[in-house]
């Protein structure tokens, strides 16, 4: 079974609505991306697109089955697409939002946990 790294920035983070998907996975630590993204508040969850902000999140070690579950949760390839980014822990998957018409409320801090 192959292991992957995933960078999570919203509802999959510790203490958030969908963290149970990663509850049994190893968290390597926190990570802030390069200033290449913009984070939006879509109500129940965030949308991340290419932009000019640094995004705060966490990096987890996951297995194939968990990656498949995350793809279903994120509605890949319809609502989100999965790409790879360089983190201080290695290359990690990141989910980018694709429905740009819905983007209205930017989270200027780049941190979902500080959205309100």
PDB file of N, CA and C in Angstrom:
ATOM      1  N   UNK A   1       0.845  -1.183   0.000  1.00  0.00           N
ATOM      2  CA  UNK A   1       0.000   0.000   0.000  1.00  0.00           C
ATOM      3  C   UNK A   1       0.890   1.246   0.000  1.00  0.00           C
ATOM      4  N   UNK A   2       0.606   2.143  -0.901  1.00  0.00           N
ATOM      5  CA  UNK A   2       1.423   3.342  -1.053  1.00  0.00           C
ATOM      6  C   UNK A   2       1.013   4.435  -0.059  1.00  0.00           C
ATOM      7  N   UNK A   3       1.996   5.169   0.421  1.00  0.00           N
ATOM      8  CA  UNK A   3       1.718   6.306   1.297  1.00  0.00           C
ATOM      9  C   UNK A   3       1.873   7.599   0.517  1.00  0.00           C
ATOM     10  N   UNK A   4       1.079   8.588   0.912  1.00  0.00           N
ATOM     11  CA  UNK A   4       1.091   9.897   0.278  1.00  0.00           C
ATOM     12  C   UNK A   4       1.121  10.947   1.374  1.00  0.00           C
ATOM     13  N   UNK A   5       1.499  12.157   0.998  1.00  0.00           N
ATOM     14  CA  UNK A   5       1.333  13.305   1.873  1.00  0.00           C
ATOM     15  C   UNK A   5       0.177  14.131   1.326  1.00  0.00           C
ATOM     16  N   UNK A   6      -0.594  14.728   2.228  1.00  0.00           N
ATOM     17  CA  UNK A   6      -1.680  15.618   1.812  1.00  0.00           C
ATOM     18  C   UNK A   6      -1.617  16.873   2.673  1.00  0.00           C
ATOM     19  N   UNK A   7      -1.749  18.021   2.006  1.00  0.00           N
ATOM     20  CA  UNK A   7      -1.813  19.309   2.697  1.00  0.00           C
ATOM     21  C   UNK A   7      -3.281  19.691   2.803  1.00  0.00           C
ATOM     22  N   UNK A   8      -3.761  19.882   4.039  1.00  0.00           N
ATOM     23  CA  UNK A   8      -5.168  20.236   4.253  1.00  0.00           C
ATOM     24  C   UNK A   8      -5.240  21.628   4.877  1.00  0.00           C
ATOM     25  N   UNK A   9      -6.224  22.415   4.445  1.00  0.00           N
ATOM     26  CA  UNK A   9      -6.302  23.821   4.839  1.00  0.00           C
ATOM     27  C   UNK A   9      -7.681  24.237   5.346  1.00  0.00           C
ATOM     28  N   UNK A  10      -8.641  23.296   5.376  1.00  0.00           N
ATOM     29  CA  UNK A  10     -10.006  23.664   5.758  1.00  0.00           C
ATOM     30  C   UNK A  10     -10.649  22.688   6.710  1.00  0.00           C
ATOM     31  N   UNK A  11     -11.739  22.061   6.270  1.00  0.00           N
ATOM     32  CA  UNK A  11     -12.544  21.211   7.151  1.00  0.00           C
ATOM     33  C   UNK A  11     -11.868  19.902   7.530  1.00  0.00           C
ATOM     34  N   UNK A  12     -10.732  19.576   6.916  1.00  0.00           N
ATOM     35  CA  UNK A  12      -9.986  18.371   7.286  1.00  0.00           C
ATOM     36  C   UNK A  12      -8.967  18.632   8.398  1.00  0.00           C
ATOM     37  N   UNK A  13      -8.774  19.895   8.762  1.00  0.00           N
ATOM     38  CA  UNK A  13      -7.816  20.225   9.823  1.00  0.00           C
ATOM     39  C   UNK A  13      -8.334  19.784  11.190  1.00  0.00           C
ATOM     40  N   UNK A  14      -7.420  19.640  12.136  1.00  0.00           N
ATOM     41  CA  UNK A  14      -7.768  19.254  13.512  1.00  0.00           C
ATOM     42  C   UNK A  14      -8.867  20.153  14.061  1.00  0.00           C
ATOM     43  N   UNK A  15      -9.885  19.518  14.649  1.00  0.00           N
ATOM     44  CA  UNK A  15     -10.968  20.259  15.263  1.00  0.00           C
ATOM     45  C   UNK A  15     -12.050  20.705  14.300  1.00  0.00           C
ATOM     46  N   UNK A  16     -11.894  20.427  13.027  1.00  0.00           N
ATOM     47  CA  UNK A  16     -12.867  20.864  12.020  1.00  0.00           C
ATOM     48  C   UNK A  16     -13.806  19.722  11.623  1.00  0.00           C
ATOM     49  N   UNK A  17     -14.829  20.055  10.837  1.00  0.00           N
ATOM     50  CA  UNK A  17     -15.973  19.180  10.551  1.00  0.00           C
ATOM     51  C   UNK A  17     -15.613  17.819   9.952  1.00  0.00           C
ATOM     52  N   UNK A  18     -14.596  17.753   9.101  1.00  0.00           N
ATOM     53  CA  UNK A  18     -14.269  16.496   8.413  1.00  0.00           C
ATOM     54  C   UNK A  18     -12.940  15.889   8.860  1.00  0.00           C
ATOM     55  N   UNK A  19     -12.433  16.322  10.014  1.00  0.00           N
ATOM     56  CA  UNK A  19     -11.149  15.800  10.475  1.00  0.00           C
ATOM     57  C   UNK A  19     -11.181  14.283  10.711  1.00  0.00           C
ATOM     58  N   UNK A  20     -12.374  13.715  10.922  1.00  0.00           N
ATOM     59  CA  UNK A  20     -12.438  12.264  11.172  1.00  0.00           C
ATOM     60  C   UNK A  20     -11.831  11.449  10.026  1.00  0.00           C
ATOM     61  N   UNK A  21     -11.790  12.005   8.818  1.00  0.00           N
ATOM     62  CA  UNK A  21     -11.153  11.302   7.697  1.00  0.00           C
ATOM     63  C   UNK A  21      -9.661  11.082   7.959  1.00  0.00           C
ATOM     64  N   UNK A  22      -9.054  11.962   8.761  1.00  0.00           N
ATOM     65  CA  UNK A  22      -7.612  11.897   9.021  1.00  0.00           C
ATOM     66  C   UNK A  22      -7.275  11.553  10.464  1.00  0.00           C
ATOM     67  N   UNK A  23      -8.290  11.231  11.254  1.00  0.00           N
ATOM     68  CA  UNK A  23      -8.099  11.019  12.699  1.00  0.00           C
ATOM     69  C   UNK A  23      -7.070   9.932  13.011  1.00  0.00           C
ATOM     70  N   UNK A  24      -6.943   8.920  12.155  1.00  0.00           N
ATOM     71  CA  UNK A  24      -5.999   7.828  12.381  1.00  0.00           C
ATOM     72  C   UNK A  24      -4.731   7.960  11.547  1.00  0.00           C
ATOM     73  N   UNK A  25      -4.535   9.132  10.953  1.00  0.00           N
ATOM     74  CA  UNK A  25      -3.360   9.376  10.117  1.00  0.00           C
ATOM     75  C   UNK A  25      -2.344  10.223  10.886  1.00  0.00           C
ATOM     76  N   UNK A  26      -1.089  10.067  10.528  1.00  0.00           N
ATOM     77  CA  UNK A  26      -0.029  10.818  11.196  1.00  0.00           C
ATOM     78  C   UNK A  26       0.020  12.243  10.679  1.00  0.00           C
ATOM     79  N   UNK A  27      -0.071  13.207  11.593  1.00  0.00           N
ATOM     80  CA  UNK A  27       0.111  14.616  11.245  1.00  0.00           C
ATOM     81  C   UNK A  27       1.594  14.929  11.389  1.00  0.00           C
ATOM     82  N   UNK A  28       2.224  15.356  10.285  1.00  0.00           N
ATOM     83  CA  UNK A  28       3.643  15.688  10.325  1.00  0.00           C
ATOM     84  C   UNK A  28       3.865  17.076  10.913  1.00  0.00           C
ATOM     85  N   UNK A  29       2.849  17.938  10.809  1.00  0.00           N
ATOM     86  CA  UNK A  29       2.962  19.280  11.369  1.00  0.00           C
ATOM     87  C   UNK A  29       2.247  20.310  10.525  1.00  0.00           C
ATOM     88  N   UNK A  30       2.412  21.559  10.928  1.00  0.00           N
ATOM     89  CA  UNK A  30       1.781  22.657  10.203  1.00  0.00           C
ATOM     90  C   UNK A  30       2.706  23.136   9.096  1.00  0.00           C
ATOM     91  N   UNK A  31       2.113  23.785   8.109  1.00  0.00           N
ATOM     92  CA  UNK A  31       2.876  24.273   6.964  1.00  0.00           C
ATOM     93  C   UNK A  31       2.136  25.455   6.362  1.00  0.00           C
ATOM     94  N   UNK A  32       2.877  26.458   5.940  1.00  0.00           N
ATOM     95  CA  UNK A  32       2.322  27.591   5.201  1.00  0.00           C
ATOM     96  C   UNK A  32       2.862  27.532   3.786  1.00  0.00           C
ATOM     97  N   UNK A  33       1.954  27.614   2.806  1.00  0.00           N
ATOM     98  CA  UNK A  33       2.358  27.522   1.404  1.00  0.00           C
ATOM     99  C   UNK A  33       3.140  28.764   0.991  1.00  0.00           C
ATOM    100  N   UNK A  34       3.749  28.680  -0.164  1.00  0.00           N
ATOM    101  CA  UNK A  34       4.308  29.868  -0.801  1.00  0.00           C
ATOM    102  C   UNK A  34       3.128  30.787  -1.128  1.00  0.00           C
ATOM    103  N   UNK A  35       3.358  32.081  -1.352  1.00  0.00           N
ATOM    104  CA  UNK A  35       2.254  33.001  -1.644  1.00  0.00           C
ATOM    105  C   UNK A  35       1.735  32.827  -3.080  1.00  0.00           C
ATOM    106  N   UNK A  36       1.083  31.680  -3.317  1.00  0.00           N
ATOM    107  CA  UNK A  36       0.629  31.329  -4.661  1.00  0.00           C
ATOM    108  C   UNK A  36      -0.860  31.009  -4.724  1.00  0.00           C
ATOM    109  N   UNK A  37      -1.607  31.276  -3.621  1.00  0.00           N
ATOM    110  CA  UNK A  37      -3.008  30.857  -3.550  1.00  0.00           C
ATOM    111  C   UNK A  37      -3.873  31.945  -2.938  1.00  0.00           C
ATOM    112  N   UNK A  38      -5.172  31.803  -3.112  1.00  0.00           N
ATOM    113  CA  UNK A  38      -6.154  32.632  -2.427  1.00  0.00           C
ATOM    114  C   UNK A  38      -7.218  31.703  -1.872  1.00  0.00           C
ATOM    115  N   UNK A  39      -7.616  31.936  -0.617  1.00  0.00           N
ATOM    116  CA  UNK A  39      -8.584  31.101   0.084  1.00  0.00           C
ATOM    117  C   UNK A  39      -9.906  31.850   0.198  1.00  0.00           C
ATOM    118  N   UNK A  40     -11.004  31.145  -0.105  1.00  0.00           N
ATOM    119  CA  UNK A  40     -12.339  31.728  -0.036  1.00  0.00           C
ATOM    120  C   UNK A  40     -13.220  30.942   0.922  1.00  0.00           C
ATOM    121  N   UNK A  41     -14.115  31.665   1.591  1.00  0.00           N
ATOM    122  CA  UNK A  41     -15.102  31.062   2.482  1.00  0.00           C
ATOM    123  C   UNK A  41     -16.352  30.786   1.660  1.00  0.00           C
ATOM    124  N   UNK A  42     -16.683  29.506   1.494  1.00  0.00           N
ATOM    125  CA  UNK A  42     -17.864  29.107   0.727  1.00  0.00           C
ATOM    126  C   UNK A  42     -19.019  28.725   1.659  1.00  0.00           C
ATOM    127  N   UNK A  43     -18.903  29.095   2.924  1.00  0.00           N
ATOM    128  CA  UNK A  43     -19.944  28.772   3.901  1.00  0.00           C
ATOM    129  C   UNK A  43     -19.528  27.599   4.760  1.00  0.00           C
ATOM    130  N   UNK A  44     -19.865  26.393   4.306  1.00  0.00           N
ATOM    131  CA  UNK A  44     -19.548  25.186   5.078  1.00  0.00           C
ATOM    132  C   UNK A  44     -18.104  24.725   4.918  1.00  0.00           C
ATOM    133  N   UNK A  45     -17.429  25.208   3.890  1.00  0.00           N
ATOM    134  CA  UNK A  45     -16.059  24.774   3.606  1.00  0.00           C
ATOM    135  C   UNK A  45     -15.365  25.831   2.761  1.00  0.00           C
ATOM    136  N   UNK A  46     -14.026  25.753   2.657  1.00  0.00           N
ATOM    137  CA  UNK A  46     -13.287  26.735   1.873  1.00  0.00           C
ATOM    138  C   UNK A  46     -13.051  26.287   0.433  1.00  0.00           C
ATOM    139  N   UNK A  47     -12.727  27.256  -0.393  1.00  0.00           N
ATOM    140  CA  UNK A  47     -12.283  27.002  -1.763  1.00  0.00           C
ATOM    141  C   UNK A  47     -10.923  27.645  -1.945  1.00  0.00           C
ATOM    142  N   UNK A  48      -9.966  26.900  -2.446  1.00  0.00           N
ATOM    143  CA  UNK A  48      -8.610  27.390  -2.661  1.00  0.00           C
ATOM    144  C   UNK A  48      -8.348  27.470  -4.155  1.00  0.00           C
ATOM    145  N   UNK A  49      -7.869  28.619  -4.606  1.00  0.00           N
ATOM    146  CA  UNK A  49      -7.538  28.820  -6.016  1.00  0.00           C
ATOM    147  C   UNK A  49      -6.150  29.447  -6.113  1.00  0.00           C
ATOM    148  N   UNK A  50      -5.627  29.510  -7.321  1.00  0.00           N
ATOM    149  CA  UNK A  50      -4.341  30.166  -7.521  1.00  0.00           C
ATOM    150  C   UNK A  50      -4.496  31.647  -7.213  1.00  0.00           C
ATOM    151  N   UNK A  51      -3.480  32.223  -6.588  1.00  0.00           N
ATOM    152  CA  UNK A  51      -3.535  33.628  -6.211  1.00  0.00           C
ATOM    153  C   UNK A  51      -2.188  34.104  -5.711  1.00  0.00           C
ATOM    154  N   UNK A  52      -2.207  34.978  -4.679  1.00  0.00           N
ATOM    155  CA  UNK A  52      -0.965  35.597  -4.217  1.00  0.00           C
ATOM    156  C   UNK A  52      -0.808  35.566  -2.699  1.00  0.00           C
ATOM    157  N   UNK A  53      -1.566  34.710  -2.012  1.00  0.00           N
ATOM    158  CA  UNK A  53      -1.493  34.649  -0.551  1.00  0.00           C
ATOM    159  C   UNK A  53      -0.838  33.358  -0.074  1.00  0.00           C
ATOM    160  N   UNK A  54      -0.350  33.396   1.149  1.00  0.00           N
ATOM    161  CA  UNK A  54       0.164  32.224   1.846  1.00  0.00           C
ATOM    162  C   UNK A  54      -1.014  31.561   2.557  1.00  0.00           C
ATOM    163  N   UNK A  55      -1.114  30.236   2.478  1.00  0.00           N
ATOM    164  CA  UNK A  55      -2.221  29.495   3.077  1.00  0.00           C
ATOM    165  C   UNK A  55      -1.688  28.619   4.205  1.00  0.00           C
ATOM    166  N   UNK A  56      -2.357  28.682   5.360  1.00  0.00           N
ATOM    167  CA  UNK A  56      -1.973  27.886   6.520  1.00  0.00           C
ATOM    168  C   UNK A  56      -2.689  26.545   6.496  1.00  0.00           C
ATOM    169  N   UNK A  57      -1.975  25.486   6.874  1.00  0.00           N
ATOM    170  CA  UNK A  57      -2.607  24.173   6.925  1.00  0.00           C
ATOM    171  C   UNK A  57      -1.746  23.164   7.659  1.00  0.00           C
ATOM    172  N   UNK A  58      -2.107  21.907   7.465  1.00  0.00           N
ATOM    173  CA  UNK A  58      -1.433  20.789   8.114  1.00  0.00           C
ATOM    174  C   UNK A  58      -1.108  19.731   7.062  1.00  0.00           C
ATOM    175  N   UNK A  59      -0.015  19.011   7.276  1.00  0.00           N
ATOM    176  CA  UNK A  59       0.400  17.950   6.357  1.00  0.00           C
ATOM    177  C   UNK A  59       0.265  16.600   7.065  1.00  0.00           C
ATOM    178  N   UNK A  60      -0.413  15.672   6.384  1.00  0.00           N
ATOM    179  CA  UNK A  60      -0.659  14.329   6.928  1.00  0.00           C
ATOM    180  C   UNK A  60      -0.078  13.265   6.019  1.00  0.00           C
ATOM    181  N   UNK A  61       0.306  12.141   6.615  1.00  0.00           N
ATOM    182  CA  UNK A  61       0.678  10.933   5.886  1.00  0.00           C
ATOM    183  C   UNK A  61      -0.590  10.102   5.759  1.00  0.00           C
ATOM    184  N   UNK A  62      -0.970   9.768   4.520  1.00  0.00           N
ATOM    185  CA  UNK A  62      -2.188   8.980   4.281  1.00  0.00           C
ATOM    186  C   UNK A  62      -1.874   7.818   3.354  1.00  0.00           C
ATOM    187  N   UNK A  63      -2.779   6.853   3.323  1.00  0.00           N
ATOM    188  CA  UNK A  63      -2.627   5.699   2.431  1.00  0.00           C
ATOM    189  C   UNK A  63      -3.611   5.813   1.277  1.00  0.00           C
ATOM    190  N   UNK A  64      -3.482   4.905   0.318  1.00  0.00           N
ATOM    191  CA  UNK A  64      -4.318   4.941  -0.889  1.00  0.00           C
ATOM    192  C   UNK A  64      -5.808   5.020  -0.579  1.00  0.00           C
ATOM    193  N   UNK A  65      -6.273   4.230   0.384  1.00  0.00           N
ATOM    194  CA  UNK A  65      -7.707   4.181   0.700  1.00  0.00           C
ATOM    195  C   UNK A  65      -8.194   5.532   1.219  1.00  0.00           C
ATOM    196  N   UNK A  66      -7.382   6.194   2.037  1.00  0.00           N
ATOM    197  CA  UNK A  66      -7.760   7.512   2.556  1.00  0.00           C
ATOM    198  C   UNK A  66      -7.761   8.538   1.437  1.00  0.00           C
ATOM    199  N   UNK A  67      -6.775   8.476   0.544  1.00  0.00           N
ATOM    200  CA  UNK A  67      -6.736   9.391  -0.598  1.00  0.00           C
ATOM    201  C   UNK A  67      -7.990   9.229  -1.455  1.00  0.00           C
ATOM    202  N   UNK A  68      -8.417   7.994  -1.668  1.00  0.00           N
ATOM    203  CA  UNK A  68      -9.641   7.739  -2.437  1.00  0.00           C
ATOM    204  C   UNK A  68     -10.866   8.333  -1.730  1.00  0.00           C
ATOM    205  N   UNK A  69     -10.918   8.203  -0.400  1.00  0.00           N
ATOM    206  CA  UNK A  69     -12.026   8.791   0.361  1.00  0.00           C
ATOM    207  C   UNK A  69     -12.018  10.314   0.261  1.00  0.00           C
ATOM    208  N   UNK A  70     -10.831  10.921   0.323  1.00  0.00           N
ATOM    209  CA  UNK A  70     -10.732  12.377   0.215  1.00  0.00           C
ATOM    210  C   UNK A  70     -11.161  12.853  -1.168  1.00  0.00           C
ATOM    211  N   UNK A  71     -10.797  12.095  -2.214  1.00  0.00           N
ATOM    212  CA  UNK A  71     -11.227  12.456  -3.575  1.00  0.00           C
ATOM    213  C   UNK A  71     -12.753  12.471  -3.682  1.00  0.00           C
ATOM    214  N   UNK A  72     -13.407  11.522  -3.021  1.00  0.00           N
ATOM    215  CA  UNK A  72     -14.879  11.482  -3.026  1.00  0.00           C
ATOM    216  C   UNK A  72     -15.431  12.677  -2.260  1.00  0.00           C
ATOM    217  N   UNK A  73     -14.885  12.934  -1.071  1.00  0.00           N
ATOM    218  CA  UNK A  73     -15.322  14.074  -0.261  1.00  0.00           C
ATOM    219  C   UNK A  73     -15.177  15.380  -1.031  1.00  0.00           C
ATOM    220  N   UNK A  74     -14.076  15.540  -1.722  1.00  0.00           N
ATOM    221  CA  UNK A  74     -13.780  16.784  -2.442  1.00  0.00           C
ATOM    222  C   UNK A  74     -14.395  16.833  -3.845  1.00  0.00           C
ATOM    223  N   UNK A  75     -15.117  15.785  -4.218  1.00  0.00           N
ATOM    224  CA  UNK A  75     -15.794  15.712  -5.522  1.00  0.00           C
ATOM    225  C   UNK A  75     -14.824  15.933  -6.692  1.00  0.00           C
ATOM    226  N   UNK A  76     -13.692  15.213  -6.626  1.00  0.00           N
ATOM    227  CA  UNK A  76     -12.700  15.228  -7.706  1.00  0.00           C
ATOM    228  C   UNK A  76     -13.218  14.362  -8.843  1.00  0.00           C
ATOM    229  N   UNK A  77     -13.207  14.788 -10.094  1.00  0.00           N
ATOM    230  CA  UNK A  77     -12.584  15.998 -10.620  1.00  0.00           C
ATOM    231  C   UNK A  77     -13.589  17.124 -10.891  1.00  0.00           C
ATOM    232  N   UNK A  78     -14.766  17.084 -10.317  1.00  0.00           N
ATOM    233  CA  UNK A  78     -15.804  18.069 -10.630  1.00  0.00           C
ATOM    234  C   UNK A  78     -15.611  19.382  -9.866  1.00  0.00           C
ATOM    235  N   UNK A  79     -15.766  19.334  -8.525  1.00  0.00           N
ATOM    236  CA  UNK A  79     -15.687  20.560  -7.733  1.00  0.00           C
ATOM    237  C   UNK A  79     -14.243  20.959  -7.442  1.00  0.00           C
ATOM    238  N   UNK A  80     -13.411  19.978  -7.165  1.00  0.00           N
ATOM    239  CA  UNK A  80     -11.998  20.218  -6.880  1.00  0.00           C
ATOM    240  C   UNK A  80     -11.135  19.381  -7.818  1.00  0.00           C
ATOM    241  N   UNK A  81      -9.883  19.798  -7.969  1.00  0.00           N
ATOM    242  CA  UNK A  81      -8.869  18.978  -8.642  1.00  0.00           C
ATOM    243  C   UNK A  81      -7.709  18.827  -7.678  1.00  0.00           C
ATOM    244  N   UNK A  82      -6.983  17.741  -7.843  1.00  0.00           N
ATOM    245  CA  UNK A  82      -5.865  17.450  -6.951  1.00  0.00           C
ATOM    246  C   UNK A  82      -4.562  17.717  -7.690  1.00  0.00           C
ATOM    247  N   UNK A  83      -3.687  18.506  -7.052  1.00  0.00           N
ATOM    248  CA  UNK A  83      -2.368  18.801  -7.601  1.00  0.00           C
ATOM    249  C   UNK A  83      -1.324  18.544  -6.523  1.00  0.00           C
ATOM    250  N   UNK A  84      -0.059  18.651  -6.891  1.00  0.00           N
ATOM    251  CA  UNK A  84       1.014  18.442  -5.916  1.00  0.00           C
ATOM    252  C   UNK A  84       1.754  19.752  -5.658  1.00  0.00           C
ATOM    253  N   UNK A  85       2.154  19.932  -4.390  1.00  0.00           N
ATOM    254  CA  UNK A  85       2.960  21.086  -4.007  1.00  0.00           C
ATOM    255  C   UNK A  85       4.145  20.608  -3.179  1.00  0.00           C
ATOM    256  N   UNK A  86       5.157  21.447  -3.139  1.00  0.00           N
ATOM    257  CA  UNK A  86       6.335  21.177  -2.312  1.00  0.00           C
ATOM    258  C   UNK A  86       6.073  21.714  -0.915  1.00  0.00           C
ATOM    259  N   UNK A  87       6.262  20.859   0.098  1.00  0.00           N
ATOM    260  CA  UNK A  87       6.165  21.291   1.487  1.00  0.00           C
ATOM    261  C   UNK A  87       7.501  20.999   2.166  1.00  0.00           C
ATOM    262  N   UNK A  88       7.653  21.460   3.390  1.00  0.00           N
ATOM    263  CA  UNK A  88       8.890  21.170   4.135  1.00  0.00           C
ATOM    264  C   UNK A  88       8.985  19.691   4.504  1.00  0.00           C
ATOM    265  N   UNK A  89       7.889  18.939   4.315  1.00  0.00           N
ATOM    266  CA  UNK A  89       7.856  17.502   4.619  1.00  0.00           C
ATOM    267  C   UNK A  89       8.009  16.645   3.361  1.00  0.00           C
ATOM    268  N   UNK A  90       8.001  17.286   2.188  1.00  0.00           N
ATOM    269  CA  UNK A  90       8.069  16.577   0.914  1.00  0.00           C
ATOM    270  C   UNK A  90       6.910  16.991   0.018  1.00  0.00           C
ATOM    271  N   UNK A  91       6.774  16.306  -1.101  1.00  0.00           N
ATOM    272  CA  UNK A  91       5.701  16.604  -2.062  1.00  0.00           C
ATOM    273  C   UNK A  91       4.369  16.114  -1.499  1.00  0.00           C
ATOM    274  N   UNK A  92       3.373  17.007  -1.503  1.00  0.00           N
ATOM    275  CA  UNK A  92       2.059  16.670  -0.939  1.00  0.00           C
ATOM    276  C   UNK A  92       0.955  17.006  -1.930  1.00  0.00           C
ATOM    277  N   UNK A  93      -0.147  16.272  -1.813  1.00  0.00           N
ATOM    278  CA  UNK A  93      -1.344  16.582  -2.588  1.00  0.00           C
ATOM    279  C   UNK A  93      -2.037  17.789  -1.961  1.00  0.00           C
ATOM    280  N   UNK A  94      -2.671  18.586  -2.810  1.00  0.00           N
ATOM    281  CA  UNK A  94      -3.471  19.731  -2.377  1.00  0.00           C
ATOM    282  C   UNK A  94      -4.712  19.766  -3.260  1.00  0.00           C
ATOM    283  N   UNK A  95      -5.835  20.177  -2.684  1.00  0.00           N
ATOM    284  CA  UNK A  95      -7.093  20.242  -3.435  1.00  0.00           C
ATOM    285  C   UNK A  95      -7.400  21.685  -3.817  1.00  0.00           C
ATOM    286  N   UNK A  96      -7.546  21.932  -5.120  1.00  0.00           N
ATOM    287  CA  UNK A  96      -7.848  23.263  -5.635  1.00  0.00           C
ATOM    288  C   UNK A  96      -9.283  23.315  -6.146  1.00  0.00           C
ATOM    289  N   UNK A  97      -9.966  24.387  -5.794  1.00  0.00           N
ATOM    290  CA  UNK A  97     -11.377  24.590  -6.146  1.00  0.00           C
ATOM    291  C   UNK A  97     -11.490  24.988  -7.611  1.00  0.00           C
ATOM    292  N   UNK A  98     -12.532  24.516  -8.292  1.00  0.00           N
ATOM    293  CA  UNK A  98     -12.663  24.750  -9.730  1.00  0.00           C
ATOM    294  C   UNK A  98     -13.864  25.587 -10.132  1.00  0.00           C
ATOM    295  N   UNK A  99     -14.797  25.852  -9.230  1.00  0.00           N
ATOM    296  CA  UNK A  99     -16.017  26.589  -9.597  1.00  0.00           C
ATOM    297  C   UNK A  99     -15.854  28.065  -9.233  1.00  0.00           C
ATOM    298  N   UNK A 100     -15.053  28.771 -10.021  1.00  0.00           N
ATOM    299  CA  UNK A 100     -14.672  30.136  -9.673  1.00  0.00           C
ATOM    300  C   UNK A 100     -15.831  31.118  -9.563  1.00  0.00           C
ATOM    301  N   UNK A 101     -16.966  30.846 -10.169  1.00  0.00           N
ATOM    302  CA  UNK A 101     -18.112  31.753 -10.090  1.00  0.00           C
ATOM    303  C   UNK A 101     -18.639  31.875  -8.664  1.00  0.00           C
ATOM    304  N   UNK A 102     -18.379  30.883  -7.817  1.00  0.00           N
ATOM    305  CA  UNK A 102     -18.885  30.880  -6.443  1.00  0.00           C
ATOM    306  C   UNK A 102     -17.980  31.656  -5.483  1.00  0.00           C
ATOM    307  N   UNK A 103     -16.854  32.143  -5.956  1.00  0.00           N
ATOM    308  CA  UNK A 103     -15.864  32.770  -5.077  1.00  0.00           C
ATOM    309  C   UNK A 103     -16.196  34.233  -4.837  1.00  0.00           C
ATOM    310  N   UNK A 104     -16.580  34.550  -3.598  1.00  0.00           N
ATOM    311  CA  UNK A 104     -16.920  35.928  -3.263  1.00  0.00           C
ATOM    312  C   UNK A 104     -16.250  36.418  -1.988  1.00  0.00           C
ATOM    313  N   UNK A 105     -16.126  35.568  -0.978  1.00  0.00           N
ATOM    314  CA  UNK A 105     -15.664  35.996   0.336  1.00  0.00           C
ATOM    315  C   UNK A 105     -14.252  35.486   0.610  1.00  0.00           C
ATOM    316  N   UNK A 106     -13.277  36.314   0.250  1.00  0.00           N
ATOM    317  CA  UNK A 106     -11.880  35.933   0.456  1.00  0.00           C
ATOM    318  C   UNK A 106     -11.542  35.914   1.947  1.00  0.00           C
ATOM    319  N   UNK A 107     -10.735  34.935   2.346  1.00  0.00           N
ATOM    320  CA  UNK A 107     -10.203  34.871   3.706  1.00  0.00           C
ATOM    321  C   UNK A 107      -8.798  35.468   3.622  1.00  0.00           C
ATOM    322  N   UNK A 108      -8.698  36.754   3.938  1.00  0.00           N
ATOM    323  CA  UNK A 108      -7.456  37.502   3.725  1.00  0.00           C
ATOM    324  C   UNK A 108      -6.278  36.928   4.493  1.00  0.00           C
ATOM    325  N   UNK A 109      -6.530  36.342   5.666  1.00  0.00           N
ATOM    326  CA  UNK A 109      -5.445  35.786   6.478  1.00  0.00           C
ATOM    327  C   UNK A 109      -4.845  34.528   5.862  1.00  0.00           C
ATOM    328  N   UNK A 110      -5.601  33.880   4.951  1.00  0.00           N
ATOM    329  CA  UNK A 110      -5.138  32.614   4.383  1.00  0.00           C
ATOM    330  C   UNK A 110      -5.295  31.447   5.339  1.00  0.00           C
ATOM    331  N   UNK A 111      -6.018  31.667   6.446  1.00  0.00           N
ATOM    332  CA  UNK A 111      -6.178  30.633   7.467  1.00  0.00           C
ATOM    333  C   UNK A 111      -7.660  30.397   7.732  1.00  0.00           C
ATOM    334  N   UNK A 112      -8.156  29.229   7.317  1.00  0.00           N
ATOM    335  CA  UNK A 112      -9.561  28.856   7.511  1.00  0.00           C
ATOM    336  C   UNK A 112      -9.987  28.980   8.971  1.00  0.00           C
ATOM    337  N   UNK A 113      -9.089  28.681   9.894  1.00  0.00           N
ATOM    338  CA  UNK A 113      -9.430  28.707  11.316  1.00  0.00           C
ATOM    339  C   UNK A 113      -9.644  30.141  11.834  1.00  0.00           C
ATOM    340  N   UNK A 114      -9.211  31.125  11.049  1.00  0.00           N
ATOM    341  CA  UNK A 114      -9.381  32.539  11.434  1.00  0.00           C
ATOM    342  C   UNK A 114     -10.389  33.258  10.531  1.00  0.00           C
ATOM    343  N   UNK A 115     -11.293  32.500   9.928  1.00  0.00           N
ATOM    344  CA  UNK A 115     -12.231  33.070   8.951  1.00  0.00           C
ATOM    345  C   UNK A 115     -13.264  33.997   9.554  1.00  0.00           C
ATOM    346  N   UNK A 116     -13.564  33.870  10.845  1.00  0.00           N
ATOM    347  CA  UNK A 116     -14.618  34.696  11.449  1.00  0.00           C
ATOM    348  C   UNK A 116     -14.036  35.667  12.445  1.00  0.00           C
TER     349      UNK A 116
END
